Amino acid sequence: MSATRDPTQELVETMAALNQSWLDGRLDDLKEYFHPEMAMASPGFSATAAGADAVLEGFEDMVRTTTVDSFDTGEPTIHVVGSSAVVSYSFDMVYVRDEKRYHSSGRDLWMFSFVDGSWKAIWRTMLDVNDELIVGGAGSA
């Protein structure tokens, strides 16, 4: 980390760029934010994806099968200790999959490590996820 940069601000910028990458379908860009040994625990810790490529597959599936109508996040809570950090924020999303419209909300929890001059995601899970079918399907507001 540069002595002139604020690690908290760097993480805010990293998280915004990471999210924009998957929202825009730029998965090659997304991978640059992942440590090669990154892991992701599915909501409820029902499964784990190990390795950046495995985590990226989940994002690829999302981009391939889902249209995101809206994605909003709350202000992130960031805790930095040396070259490690935890970033957590609430999210609220409306998406369409299989011609059905859903509202999803919950909390995204990421762990980062400062490696080779940048913050790399090393672990992620989503907590308190609530997915609800919006009555009226894909065409309703």
N, C-alpha and C. Protein backbone atom coordinates (compact mmCIF):
# COMPACT_ATOMS: atom_id res chain seq x y z
N MET A 1 0.83 -1.17 0.00
CA MET A 1 0.00 0.00 0.00
C MET A 1 0.87 1.23 0.00
N SER A 2 0.48 2.19 -0.75
CA SER A 2 1.18 3.46 -0.79
C SER A 2 0.90 4.23 0.49
N ALA A 3 1.91 4.88 1.00
CA ALA A 3 1.74 5.67 2.22
C ALA A 3 0.80 6.85 1.98
N THR A 4 0.64 7.27 0.73
CA THR A 4 -0.22 8.41 0.42
C THR A 4 -1.65 8.02 0.13
N ARG A 5 -1.93 6.72 -0.02
CA ARG A 5 -3.28 6.27 -0.32
C ARG A 5 -3.96 5.74 0.94
N ASP A 6 -5.24 5.89 0.98
CA ASP A 6 -6.06 5.40 2.08
C ASP A 6 -6.56 4.00 1.70
N PRO A 7 -6.17 2.96 2.44
CA PRO A 7 -6.60 1.60 2.07
C PRO A 7 -8.12 1.45 2.06
N THR A 8 -8.81 2.16 2.93
CA THR A 8 -10.27 2.08 2.94
C THR A 8 -10.83 2.60 1.62
N GLN A 9 -10.31 3.73 1.14
CA GLN A 9 -10.77 4.27 -0.14
C GLN A 9 -10.39 3.35 -1.30
N GLU A 10 -9.21 2.76 -1.23
CA GLU A 10 -8.81 1.79 -2.27
C GLU A 10 -9.79 0.63 -2.32
N LEU A 11 -10.24 0.15 -1.17
CA LEU A 11 -11.19 -0.96 -1.13
C LEU A 11 -12.57 -0.55 -1.62
N VAL A 12 -13.00 0.66 -1.32
CA VAL A 12 -14.27 1.18 -1.85
C VAL A 12 -14.21 1.18 -3.37
N GLU A 13 -13.10 1.69 -3.92
CA GLU A 13 -12.94 1.74 -5.37
C GLU A 13 -12.83 0.34 -5.99
N THR A 14 -12.11 -0.56 -5.32
CA THR A 14 -11.98 -1.93 -5.81
C THR A 14 -13.33 -2.62 -5.84
N MET A 15 -14.11 -2.48 -4.77
CA MET A 15 -15.41 -3.13 -4.71
C MET A 15 -16.35 -2.57 -5.76
N ALA A 16 -16.33 -1.27 -5.98
CA ALA A 16 -17.19 -0.66 -7.01
C ALA A 16 -16.81 -1.17 -8.40
N ALA A 17 -15.52 -1.24 -8.68
CA ALA A 17 -15.05 -1.72 -9.98
C ALA A 17 -15.36 -3.20 -10.17
N LEU A 18 -15.18 -3.98 -9.13
CA LEU A 18 -15.48 -5.41 -9.18
C LEU A 18 -16.96 -5.62 -9.50
N ASN A 19 -17.84 -4.95 -8.78
CA ASN A 19 -19.27 -5.09 -9.03
C ASN A 19 -19.65 -4.61 -10.43
N GLN A 20 -19.08 -3.51 -10.87
CA GLN A 20 -19.40 -3.00 -12.20
C GLN A 20 -18.94 -3.96 -13.29
N SER A 21 -17.85 -4.66 -13.04
CA SER A 21 -17.36 -5.63 -14.02
C SER A 21 -18.38 -6.74 -14.28
N TRP A 22 -18.93 -7.33 -13.21
CA TRP A 22 -19.89 -8.41 -13.45
C TRP A 22 -21.21 -7.87 -13.95
N LEU A 23 -21.60 -6.68 -13.48
CA LEU A 23 -22.85 -6.09 -13.97
C LEU A 23 -22.78 -5.80 -15.47
N ASP A 24 -21.60 -5.41 -15.94
CA ASP A 24 -21.40 -5.13 -17.37
C ASP A 24 -21.07 -6.38 -18.18
N GLY A 25 -20.93 -7.53 -17.51
CA GLY A 25 -20.59 -8.76 -18.21
C GLY A 25 -19.13 -8.85 -18.62
N ARG A 26 -18.27 -8.02 -18.02
CA ARG A 26 -16.84 -8.03 -18.33
C ARG A 26 -16.13 -8.99 -17.38
N LEU A 27 -16.29 -10.29 -17.64
CA LEU A 27 -15.76 -11.29 -16.72
C LEU A 27 -14.24 -11.38 -16.74
N ASP A 28 -13.61 -11.08 -17.87
CA ASP A 28 -12.14 -11.05 -17.89
C ASP A 28 -11.61 -9.97 -16.96
N ASP A 29 -12.30 -8.84 -16.91
CA ASP A 29 -11.91 -7.77 -15.99
C ASP A 29 -12.15 -8.19 -14.55
N LEU A 30 -13.24 -8.90 -14.33
CA LEU A 30 -13.59 -9.33 -12.97
C LEU A 30 -12.49 -10.19 -12.36
N LYS A 31 -11.93 -11.06 -13.16
CA LYS A 31 -10.92 -11.99 -12.64
C LYS A 31 -9.68 -11.27 -12.09
N GLU A 32 -9.40 -10.07 -12.58
CA GLU A 32 -8.22 -9.36 -12.10
C GLU A 32 -8.34 -8.97 -10.62
N TYR A 33 -9.55 -9.01 -10.08
CA TYR A 33 -9.76 -8.67 -8.67
C TYR A 33 -9.69 -9.89 -7.76
N PHE A 34 -9.54 -11.09 -8.34
CA PHE A 34 -9.54 -12.33 -7.57
C PHE A 34 -8.12 -12.85 -7.38
N HIS A 35 -7.81 -13.24 -6.16
CA HIS A 35 -6.57 -13.98 -5.89
C HIS A 35 -6.74 -15.37 -6.51
N PRO A 36 -5.69 -15.96 -7.08
CA PRO A 36 -5.83 -17.28 -7.70
C PRO A 36 -6.41 -18.35 -6.77
N GLU A 37 -6.18 -18.21 -5.46
CA GLU A 37 -6.66 -19.21 -4.50
C GLU A 37 -7.93 -18.77 -3.79
N MET A 38 -8.64 -17.81 -4.36
CA MET A 38 -9.88 -17.32 -3.76
C MET A 38 -10.87 -18.47 -3.57
N ALA A 39 -11.73 -18.32 -2.57
CA ALA A 39 -12.81 -19.28 -2.34
C ALA A 39 -14.10 -18.53 -2.08
N MET A 40 -15.21 -19.19 -2.37
CA MET A 40 -16.52 -18.62 -2.07
C MET A 40 -17.39 -19.68 -1.42
N ALA A 41 -17.99 -19.31 -0.31
CA ALA A 41 -18.97 -20.17 0.35
C ALA A 41 -20.35 -19.73 -0.10
N SER A 42 -21.15 -20.67 -0.60
CA SER A 42 -22.51 -20.36 -1.03
C SER A 42 -23.32 -19.88 0.16
N PRO A 43 -24.40 -19.12 -0.09
CA PRO A 43 -25.26 -18.72 1.02
C PRO A 43 -25.67 -19.94 1.84
N GLY A 44 -25.61 -19.81 3.14
CA GLY A 44 -25.91 -20.92 4.03
C GLY A 44 -24.77 -21.91 4.15
N PHE A 45 -23.64 -21.61 3.51
CA PHE A 45 -22.44 -22.45 3.55
C PHE A 45 -22.74 -23.88 3.06
N SER A 46 -23.66 -23.97 2.09
CA SER A 46 -24.05 -25.28 1.57
C SER A 46 -23.03 -25.87 0.60
N ALA A 47 -22.18 -25.02 0.01
CA ALA A 47 -21.16 -25.48 -0.93
C ALA A 47 -20.03 -24.45 -0.95
N THR A 48 -18.88 -24.88 -1.44
CA THR A 48 -17.73 -23.99 -1.55
C THR A 48 -17.14 -24.12 -2.94
N ALA A 49 -16.82 -22.97 -3.53
CA ALA A 49 -16.06 -22.93 -4.79
C ALA A 49 -14.64 -22.57 -4.41
N ALA A 50 -13.68 -23.36 -4.82
CA ALA A 50 -12.28 -23.12 -4.47
C ALA A 50 -11.49 -22.78 -5.71
N GLY A 51 -10.79 -21.67 -5.66
CA GLY A 51 -9.99 -21.20 -6.79
C GLY A 51 -10.72 -20.13 -7.57
N ALA A 52 -9.98 -19.17 -8.10
CA ALA A 52 -10.57 -18.05 -8.82
C ALA A 52 -11.42 -18.53 -10.00
N ASP A 53 -10.98 -19.54 -10.72
CA ASP A 53 -11.74 -20.02 -11.88
C ASP A 53 -13.10 -20.58 -11.46
N ALA A 54 -13.14 -21.30 -10.35
CA ALA A 54 -14.40 -21.85 -9.85
C ALA A 54 -15.34 -20.75 -9.40
N VAL A 55 -14.82 -19.73 -8.75
CA VAL A 55 -15.65 -18.60 -8.32
C VAL A 55 -16.17 -17.86 -9.54
N LEU A 56 -15.32 -17.68 -10.52
CA LEU A 56 -15.71 -16.98 -11.75
C LEU A 56 -16.83 -17.72 -12.46
N GLU A 57 -16.86 -19.04 -12.40
CA GLU A 57 -17.94 -19.81 -13.03
C GLU A 57 -19.31 -19.40 -12.51
N GLY A 58 -19.40 -19.10 -11.22
CA GLY A 58 -20.66 -18.64 -10.64
C GLY A 58 -21.09 -17.31 -11.23
N PHE A 59 -20.14 -16.41 -11.40
CA PHE A 59 -20.44 -15.12 -12.02
C PHE A 59 -20.82 -15.32 -13.49
N GLU A 60 -20.13 -16.22 -14.18
CA GLU A 60 -20.45 -16.51 -15.58
C GLU A 60 -21.88 -17.02 -15.71
N ASP A 61 -22.29 -17.92 -14.82
CA ASP A 61 -23.65 -18.44 -14.83
C ASP A 61 -24.65 -17.31 -14.62
N MET A 62 -24.35 -16.43 -13.68
CA MET A 62 -25.24 -15.30 -13.40
C MET A 62 -25.39 -14.42 -14.63
N VAL A 63 -24.29 -14.07 -15.25
CA VAL A 63 -24.31 -13.19 -16.42
C VAL A 63 -25.02 -13.86 -17.60
N ARG A 64 -24.82 -15.15 -17.77
CA ARG A 64 -25.39 -15.89 -18.90
C ARG A 64 -26.90 -16.10 -18.76
N THR A 65 -27.39 -16.28 -17.54
CA THR A 65 -28.77 -16.69 -17.35
C THR A 65 -29.68 -15.62 -16.74
N THR A 66 -29.12 -14.47 -16.42
CA THR A 66 -29.86 -13.48 -15.65
C THR A 66 -29.73 -12.09 -16.26
N THR A 67 -30.82 -11.36 -16.25
CA THR A 67 -30.79 -9.94 -16.60
C THR A 67 -31.02 -9.16 -15.31
N VAL A 68 -30.07 -8.33 -14.95
CA VAL A 68 -30.18 -7.54 -13.72
C VAL A 68 -30.85 -6.21 -14.08
N ASP A 69 -32.02 -5.97 -13.48
CA ASP A 69 -32.74 -4.72 -13.71
C ASP A 69 -32.25 -3.61 -12.79
N SER A 70 -31.89 -3.97 -11.57
CA SER A 70 -31.34 -2.97 -10.64
C SER A 70 -30.44 -3.67 -9.63
N PHE A 71 -29.41 -2.96 -9.22
CA PHE A 71 -28.48 -3.47 -8.21
C PHE A 71 -27.99 -2.29 -7.39
N ASP A 72 -28.34 -2.28 -6.13
CA ASP A 72 -27.94 -1.19 -5.24
C ASP A 72 -27.27 -1.79 -4.01
N THR A 73 -26.28 -1.06 -3.52
CA THR A 73 -25.59 -1.49 -2.31
C THR A 73 -25.66 -0.40 -1.26
N GLY A 74 -25.60 -0.81 -0.02
CA GLY A 74 -25.49 0.13 1.06
C GLY A 74 -24.03 0.57 1.21
N GLU A 75 -23.80 1.49 2.09
CA GLU A 75 -22.43 1.92 2.38
C GLU A 75 -21.65 0.74 2.94
N PRO A 76 -20.46 0.51 2.41
CA PRO A 76 -19.69 -0.63 2.91
C PRO A 76 -19.11 -0.38 4.30
N THR A 77 -19.03 -1.46 5.05
CA THR A 77 -18.29 -1.47 6.30
C THR A 77 -16.96 -2.13 5.97
N ILE A 78 -15.86 -1.44 6.27
CA ILE A 78 -14.53 -1.93 5.90
C ILE A 78 -13.65 -1.94 7.13
N HIS A 79 -12.98 -3.07 7.34
CA HIS A 79 -12.06 -3.20 8.45
C HIS A 79 -10.73 -3.70 7.89
N VAL A 80 -9.70 -2.88 8.04
CA VAL A 80 -8.37 -3.20 7.51
C VAL A 80 -7.43 -3.51 8.66
N VAL A 81 -6.72 -4.63 8.56
CA VAL A 81 -5.67 -4.98 9.51
C VAL A 81 -4.46 -5.36 8.68
N GLY A 82 -3.46 -4.48 8.65
CA GLY A 82 -2.25 -4.75 7.87
C GLY A 82 -2.59 -4.93 6.41
N SER A 83 -2.27 -6.09 5.86
CA SER A 83 -2.52 -6.36 4.45
C SER A 83 -3.77 -7.20 4.23
N SER A 84 -4.64 -7.24 5.24
CA SER A 84 -5.91 -7.97 5.13
C SER A 84 -7.07 -7.02 5.38
N ALA A 85 -8.21 -7.34 4.78
CA ALA A 85 -9.38 -6.49 4.98
C ALA A 85 -10.66 -7.29 4.80
N VAL A 86 -11.70 -6.83 5.50
CA VAL A 86 -13.04 -7.37 5.35
C VAL A 86 -13.92 -6.23 4.85
N VAL A 87 -14.70 -6.51 3.81
CA VAL A 87 -15.64 -5.54 3.25
C VAL A 87 -17.02 -6.18 3.28
N SER A 88 -17.98 -5.47 3.84
CA SER A 88 -19.33 -5.97 3.93
C SER A 88 -20.30 -4.85 3.58
N TYR A 89 -21.36 -5.20 2.85
CA TYR A 89 -22.38 -4.21 2.51
C TYR A 89 -23.70 -4.93 2.25
N SER A 90 -24.79 -4.21 2.48
CA SER A 90 -26.09 -4.76 2.12
C SER A 90 -26.29 -4.57 0.62
N PHE A 91 -27.10 -5.45 0.03
CA PHE A 91 -27.43 -5.30 -1.38
C PHE A 91 -28.92 -5.49 -1.58
N ASP A 92 -29.41 -4.89 -2.65
CA ASP A 92 -30.79 -4.99 -3.05
C ASP A 92 -30.80 -5.08 -4.57
N MET A 93 -31.37 -6.15 -5.11
CA MET A 93 -31.28 -6.40 -6.54
C MET A 93 -32.63 -6.91 -7.07
N VAL A 94 -32.95 -6.47 -8.29
CA VAL A 94 -34.09 -7.02 -9.02
C VAL A 94 -33.52 -7.63 -10.29
N TYR A 95 -33.88 -8.90 -10.55
CA TYR A 95 -33.35 -9.58 -11.72
C TYR A 95 -34.39 -10.48 -12.34
N VAL A 96 -34.15 -10.85 -13.61
CA VAL A 96 -35.03 -11.76 -14.34
C VAL A 96 -34.22 -12.99 -14.72
N ARG A 97 -34.79 -14.16 -14.41
CA ARG A 97 -34.18 -15.45 -14.77
C ARG A 97 -35.32 -16.40 -15.14
N ASP A 98 -35.16 -17.09 -16.23
CA ASP A 98 -36.19 -18.02 -16.71
C ASP A 98 -37.55 -17.32 -16.82
N GLU A 99 -37.53 -16.10 -17.33
CA GLU A 99 -38.74 -15.29 -17.57
C GLU A 99 -39.51 -15.00 -16.29
N LYS A 100 -38.85 -15.09 -15.15
CA LYS A 100 -39.47 -14.74 -13.87
C LYS A 100 -38.65 -13.63 -13.24
N ARG A 101 -39.35 -12.70 -12.62
CA ARG A 101 -38.70 -11.53 -12.01
C ARG A 101 -38.59 -11.76 -10.50
N TYR A 102 -37.40 -11.48 -9.97
CA TYR A 102 -37.12 -11.71 -8.56
C TYR A 102 -36.59 -10.44 -7.90
N HIS A 103 -36.85 -10.36 -6.61
CA HIS A 103 -36.22 -9.34 -5.76
C HIS A 103 -35.33 -10.09 -4.78
N SER A 104 -34.07 -9.68 -4.72
CA SER A 104 -33.11 -10.32 -3.83
C SER A 104 -32.47 -9.27 -2.94
N SER A 105 -32.31 -9.60 -1.69
CA SER A 105 -31.62 -8.70 -0.76
C SER A 105 -30.81 -9.53 0.21
N GLY A 106 -29.85 -8.89 0.84
CA GLY A 106 -29.02 -9.57 1.81
C GLY A 106 -27.76 -8.78 2.08
N ARG A 107 -26.72 -9.49 2.47
CA ARG A 107 -25.44 -8.88 2.81
C ARG A 107 -24.34 -9.65 2.10
N ASP A 108 -23.45 -8.90 1.44
CA ASP A 108 -22.28 -9.48 0.77
C ASP A 108 -21.09 -9.28 1.70
N LEU A 109 -20.31 -10.33 1.89
CA LEU A 109 -19.15 -10.29 2.78
C LEU A 109 -17.94 -10.79 2.00
N TRP A 110 -16.95 -9.92 1.86
CA TRP A 110 -15.73 -10.22 1.11
C TRP A 110 -14.52 -10.08 2.03
N MET A 111 -13.51 -10.90 1.80
CA MET A 111 -12.22 -10.75 2.45
C MET A 111 -11.19 -10.49 1.37
N PHE A 112 -10.28 -9.56 1.64
CA PHE A 112 -9.26 -9.16 0.68
C PHE A 112 -7.88 -9.26 1.31
N SER A 113 -6.88 -9.42 0.43
CA SER A 113 -5.48 -9.38 0.82
C SER A 113 -4.77 -8.43 -0.13
N PHE A 114 -3.87 -7.61 0.40
CA PHE A 114 -3.10 -6.69 -0.44
C PHE A 114 -1.90 -7.45 -0.98
N VAL A 115 -1.92 -7.73 -2.29
CA VAL A 115 -0.92 -8.57 -2.94
C VAL A 115 -0.39 -7.85 -4.18
N ASP A 116 0.91 -7.76 -4.30
CA ASP A 116 1.54 -7.19 -5.49
C ASP A 116 0.95 -5.83 -5.88
N GLY A 117 0.71 -4.99 -4.89
CA GLY A 117 0.29 -3.62 -5.16
C GLY A 117 -1.19 -3.38 -5.33
N SER A 118 -2.02 -4.41 -5.12
CA SER A 118 -3.47 -4.18 -5.23
C SER A 118 -4.23 -5.14 -4.31
N TRP A 119 -5.47 -4.78 -4.03
CA TRP A 119 -6.33 -5.61 -3.19
C TRP A 119 -6.93 -6.72 -4.03
N LYS A 120 -6.77 -7.96 -3.57
CA LYS A 120 -7.30 -9.14 -4.24
C LYS A 120 -8.30 -9.84 -3.32
N ALA A 121 -9.46 -10.19 -3.88
CA ALA A 121 -10.46 -10.93 -3.10
C ALA A 121 -9.93 -12.33 -2.83
N ILE A 122 -10.05 -12.75 -1.57
CA ILE A 122 -9.59 -14.10 -1.21
C ILE A 122 -10.74 -14.98 -0.73
N TRP A 123 -11.88 -14.36 -0.36
CA TRP A 123 -13.01 -15.14 0.14
C TRP A 123 -14.27 -14.31 0.06
N ARG A 124 -15.40 -14.98 -0.19
CA ARG A 124 -16.69 -14.28 -0.28
C ARG A 124 -17.80 -15.21 0.16
N THR A 125 -18.82 -14.62 0.77
CA THR A 125 -20.09 -15.28 0.99
C THR A 125 -21.18 -14.23 1.00
N MET A 126 -22.40 -14.69 0.93
CA MET A 126 -23.57 -13.81 1.03
C MET A 126 -24.39 -14.29 2.21
N LEU A 127 -24.81 -13.35 3.05
CA LEU A 127 -25.54 -13.66 4.28
C LEU A 127 -26.95 -13.10 4.22
N ASP A 128 -27.84 -13.72 4.96
CA ASP A 128 -29.22 -13.23 5.10
C ASP A 128 -29.87 -12.98 3.74
N VAL A 129 -29.60 -13.85 2.78
CA VAL A 129 -30.14 -13.68 1.43
C VAL A 129 -31.63 -14.02 1.42
N ASN A 130 -32.40 -13.12 0.84
CA ASN A 130 -33.83 -13.33 0.69
C ASN A 130 -34.18 -13.10 -0.77
N ASP A 131 -34.57 -14.16 -1.47
CA ASP A 131 -34.99 -14.09 -2.86
C ASP A 131 -36.50 -14.32 -2.90
N GLU A 132 -37.21 -13.36 -3.52
CA GLU A 132 -38.66 -13.48 -3.63
C GLU A 132 -39.08 -13.29 -5.07
N LEU A 133 -39.97 -14.13 -5.53
CA LEU A 133 -40.57 -13.99 -6.84
C LEU A 133 -41.50 -12.78 -6.80
N ILE A 134 -41.34 -11.89 -7.77
CA ILE A 134 -42.22 -10.73 -7.85
C ILE A 134 -43.46 -11.15 -8.62
N VAL A 135 -44.61 -11.03 -7.98
CA VAL A 135 -45.86 -11.43 -8.59
C VAL A 135 -46.09 -10.63 -9.86
N GLY A 136 -46.46 -11.32 -10.90
CA GLY A 136 -46.66 -10.68 -12.18
C GLY A 136 -45.55 -10.99 -13.15
N GLY A 137 -44.46 -11.61 -12.66
CA GLY A 137 -43.38 -12.09 -13.53
C GLY A 137 -42.50 -11.01 -14.09
N ALA A 138 -41.90 -11.29 -15.23
CA ALA A 138 -40.85 -10.45 -15.82
C ALA A 138 -41.37 -9.10 -16.26
N GLY A 139 -42.63 -8.97 -16.54
CA GLY A 139 -43.12 -7.70 -17.06
C GLY A 139 -43.60 -6.72 -16.00
N SER A 140 -43.66 -7.11 -14.74
CA SER A 140 -44.18 -6.20 -13.72
C SER A 140 -43.08 -5.34 -13.14
N ALA A 141 -43.49 -4.26 -12.55
CA ALA A 141 -42.52 -3.33 -11.95
C ALA A 141 -42.32 -3.61 -10.48
